[in-house]
C-alpha atoms as a PDB file:
ATOM      1  CA  UNK A   1       6.068   6.446  -7.223  1.00  0.00           C
ATOM      2  CA  UNK A   2       2.944   6.245  -9.305  1.00  0.00           C
ATOM      3  CA  UNK A   3       0.544   9.160  -9.382  1.00  0.00           C
ATOM      4  CA  UNK A   4      -3.160   8.734 -10.037  1.00  0.00           C
ATOM      5  CA  UNK A   5      -5.937  11.220 -10.807  1.00  0.00           C
ATOM      6  CA  UNK A   6      -6.594  11.819  -7.105  1.00  0.00           C
ATOM      7  CA  UNK A   7      -3.087  13.158  -6.517  1.00  0.00           C
ATOM      8  CA  UNK A   8      -2.498  10.270  -4.137  1.00  0.00           C
ATOM      9  CA  UNK A   9       0.949   8.779  -4.503  1.00  0.00           C
ATOM     10  CA  UNK A  10       1.498   5.051  -4.156  1.00  0.00           C
ATOM     11  CA  UNK A  11       4.994   3.806  -3.591  1.00  0.00           C
ATOM     12  CA  UNK A  12       5.943   0.664  -5.455  1.00  0.00           C
ATOM     13  CA  UNK A  13       6.766  -2.327  -3.269  1.00  0.00           C
ATOM     14  CA  UNK A  14      10.392  -3.360  -3.534  1.00  0.00           C
ATOM     15  CA  UNK A  15      11.829  -6.683  -2.429  1.00  0.00           C
ATOM     16  CA  UNK A  16      12.369  -6.778   1.309  1.00  0.00           C
ATOM     17  CA  UNK A  17       9.556  -4.415   2.271  1.00  0.00           C
ATOM     18  CA  UNK A  18       7.311  -6.895   4.040  1.00  0.00           C
ATOM     19  CA  UNK A  19       4.391  -5.546   6.018  1.00  0.00           C
ATOM     20  CA  UNK A  20       4.033  -2.412   3.905  1.00  0.00           C
ATOM     21  CA  UNK A  21       0.407  -3.264   3.122  1.00  0.00           C
ATOM     22  CA  UNK A  22      -1.803  -4.385   6.039  1.00  0.00           C
ATOM     23  CA  UNK A  23      -2.639  -8.106   5.937  1.00  0.00           C
ATOM     24  CA  UNK A  24      -6.381  -7.361   5.764  1.00  0.00           C
ATOM     25  CA  UNK A  25      -5.825  -5.455   2.536  1.00  0.00           C
ATOM     26  CA  UNK A  26      -3.590  -8.150   0.992  1.00  0.00           C
ATOM     27  CA  UNK A  27      -6.268 -10.808   1.463  1.00  0.00           C
ATOM     28  CA  UNK A  28      -8.852  -8.867  -0.561  1.00  0.00           C
ATOM     29  CA  UNK A  29      -9.323  -9.440  -4.300  1.00  0.00           C
ATOM     30  CA  UNK A  30      -7.051  -7.337  -6.486  1.00  0.00           C
ATOM     31  CA  UNK A  31      -7.624  -5.860  -9.917  1.00  0.00           C
ATOM     32  CA  UNK A  32      -5.520  -5.254 -13.010  1.00  0.00           C
ATOM     33  CA  UNK A  33      -3.939  -1.885 -13.806  1.00  0.00           C
ATOM     34  CA  UNK A  34      -6.624  -0.954 -16.355  1.00  0.00           C
ATOM     35  CA  UNK A  35      -9.407  -1.585 -13.822  1.00  0.00           C
ATOM     36  CA  UNK A  36      -7.448   0.365 -11.215  1.00  0.00           C
ATOM     37  CA  UNK A  37      -7.199   3.410 -13.483  1.00  0.00           C
ATOM     38  CA  UNK A  38     -10.952   3.319 -14.152  1.00  0.00           C
ATOM     39  CA  UNK A  39     -11.757   2.989 -10.452  1.00  0.00           C
ATOM     40  CA  UNK A  40      -9.253   5.747  -9.689  1.00  0.00           C
ATOM     41  CA  UNK A  41     -11.135   8.088 -12.026  1.00  0.00           C
ATOM     42  CA  UNK A  42     -14.417   7.254 -10.305  1.00  0.00           C
ATOM     43  CA  UNK A  43     -12.817   7.801  -6.902  1.00  0.00           C
ATOM     44  CA  UNK A  44     -11.451  11.183  -8.016  1.00  0.00           C
ATOM     45  CA  UNK A  45     -14.966  12.209  -9.065  1.00  0.00           C
ATOM     46  CA  UNK A  46     -16.361  10.930  -5.761  1.00  0.00           C
ATOM     47  CA  UNK A  47     -13.726  12.909  -3.832  1.00  0.00           C
ATOM     48  CA  UNK A  48     -14.723  16.057  -5.709  1.00  0.00           C
ATOM     49  CA  UNK A  49     -18.459  15.574  -5.082  1.00  0.00           C
ATOM     50  CA  UNK A  50     -18.554  13.770  -1.722  1.00  0.00           C
ATOM     51  CA  UNK A  51     -15.253  13.638   0.124  1.00  0.00           C
ATOM     52  CA  UNK A  52     -16.809  11.885   3.145  1.00  0.00           C
ATOM     53  CA  UNK A  53     -17.821   8.845   1.089  1.00  0.00           C
ATOM     54  CA  UNK A  54     -14.456   8.895  -0.662  1.00  0.00           C
ATOM     55  CA  UNK A  55     -12.532   8.977   2.605  1.00  0.00           C
ATOM     56  CA  UNK A  56     -14.623   6.145   4.039  1.00  0.00           C
ATOM     57  CA  UNK A  57     -13.863   3.914   1.041  1.00  0.00           C
ATOM     58  CA  UNK A  58     -10.154   4.742   1.233  1.00  0.00           C
ATOM     59  CA  UNK A  59     -10.021   4.026   4.973  1.00  0.00           C
ATOM     60  CA  UNK A  60     -11.790   0.693   4.482  1.00  0.00           C
ATOM     61  CA  UNK A  61     -10.219  -0.627   1.268  1.00  0.00           C
ATOM     62  CA  UNK A  62      -6.777   1.000   1.272  1.00  0.00           C
ATOM     63  CA  UNK A  63      -6.216   1.478   4.987  1.00  0.00           C
ATOM     64  CA  UNK A  64      -7.782  -1.828   5.961  1.00  0.00           C
ATOM     65  CA  UNK A  65      -9.816  -0.307   8.792  1.00  0.00           C
ATOM     66  CA  UNK A  66     -12.559  -2.499  10.247  1.00  0.00           C
ATOM     67  CA  UNK A  67     -16.194  -1.458  10.643  1.00  0.00           C
ATOM     68  CA  UNK A  68     -15.596  -1.034  14.372  1.00  0.00           C
ATOM     69  CA  UNK A  69     -12.504   1.136  13.840  1.00  0.00           C
ATOM     70  CA  UNK A  70     -14.422   3.294  11.362  1.00  0.00           C
ATOM     71  CA  UNK A  71     -17.347   3.540  13.784  1.00  0.00           C
ATOM     72  CA  UNK A  72     -15.013   4.780  16.535  1.00  0.00           C
ATOM     73  CA  UNK A  73     -13.348   7.256  14.156  1.00  0.00           C
ATOM     74  CA  UNK A  74     -16.711   8.758  13.169  1.00  0.00           C
ATOM     75  CA  UNK A  75     -18.455   8.378  16.522  1.00  0.00           C
ATOM     76  CA  UNK A  76     -21.181   6.222  14.973  1.00  0.00           C
ATOM     77  CA  UNK A  77     -22.318   2.599  15.031  1.00  0.00           C
ATOM     78  CA  UNK A  78     -20.877  -0.159  12.881  1.00  0.00           C
ATOM     79  CA  UNK A  79     -24.328  -0.444  11.238  1.00  0.00           C
ATOM     80  CA  UNK A  80     -24.035   3.208  10.169  1.00  0.00           C
ATOM     81  CA  UNK A  81     -20.596   2.460   8.708  1.00  0.00           C
ATOM     82  CA  UNK A  82     -21.994  -0.524   6.793  1.00  0.00           C
ATOM     83  CA  UNK A  83     -24.844   1.515   5.326  1.00  0.00           C
ATOM     84  CA  UNK A  84     -22.541   4.368   4.339  1.00  0.00           C
ATOM     85  CA  UNK A  85     -20.012   1.994   2.760  1.00  0.00           C
ATOM     86  CA  UNK A  86     -22.834   0.386   0.800  1.00  0.00           C
ATOM     87  CA  UNK A  87     -23.932   3.835  -0.390  1.00  0.00           C
ATOM     88  CA  UNK A  88     -20.370   4.780  -1.400  1.00  0.00           C
ATOM     89  CA  UNK A  89     -19.869   1.503  -3.271  1.00  0.00           C
ATOM     90  CA  UNK A  90     -23.220   2.058  -4.980  1.00  0.00           C
ATOM     91  CA  UNK A  91     -22.155   5.511  -6.160  1.00  0.00           C
ATOM     92  CA  UNK A  92     -18.971   4.099  -7.720  1.00  0.00           C
ATOM     93  CA  UNK A  93     -20.926   1.201  -9.245  1.00  0.00           C
ATOM     94  CA  UNK A  94     -23.426   3.713 -10.646  1.00  0.00           C
ATOM     95  CA  UNK A  95     -20.614   5.678 -12.263  1.00  0.00           C
ATOM     96  CA  UNK A  96     -19.356   2.499 -13.921  1.00  0.00           C
ATOM     97  CA  UNK A  97     -22.868   1.708 -15.179  1.00  0.00           C
ATOM     98  CA  UNK A  98     -23.356   5.217 -16.571  1.00  0.00           C
ATOM     99  CA  UNK A  99     -20.013   4.949 -18.363  1.00  0.00           C
ATOM    100  CA  UNK A 100     -21.049   1.480 -19.600  1.00  0.00           C
ATOM    101  CA  UNK A 101     -17.767   0.040 -18.352  1.00  0.00           C
ATOM    102  CA  UNK A 102     -17.382  -3.584 -17.343  1.00  0.00           C
ATOM    103  CA  UNK A 103     -14.296  -4.163 -15.232  1.00  0.00           C
ATOM    104  CA  UNK A 104     -12.061  -7.082 -16.148  1.00  0.00           C
ATOM    105  CA  UNK A 105     -12.377  -8.424 -12.617  1.00  0.00           C
ATOM    106  CA  UNK A 106     -16.181  -8.655 -13.052  1.00  0.00           C
ATOM    107  CA  UNK A 107     -15.998 -10.748 -16.240  1.00  0.00           C
END
């Protein structure tokens, strides 16, 4: 198991473990390990300063939850979820800008 700065453990995927990652998550763009470590650091900082935004990003990108599922979970509208996700993504993007880091996947 790999351990990142958020103290979240990710099990490696061995042959024969189909369906471990939801199909919605597999179809999204992926990044290299270096980009992942940078994003992980930003996410750890976000968790420390705003755990609600952090948890929303994790539910959406890692858990593969839809806007509607997130809206039900939080008792809000899907529009609210969209605005909050946009805010959370903006915070992470702002961290990357302040650090003057360009991710490999953005080149």
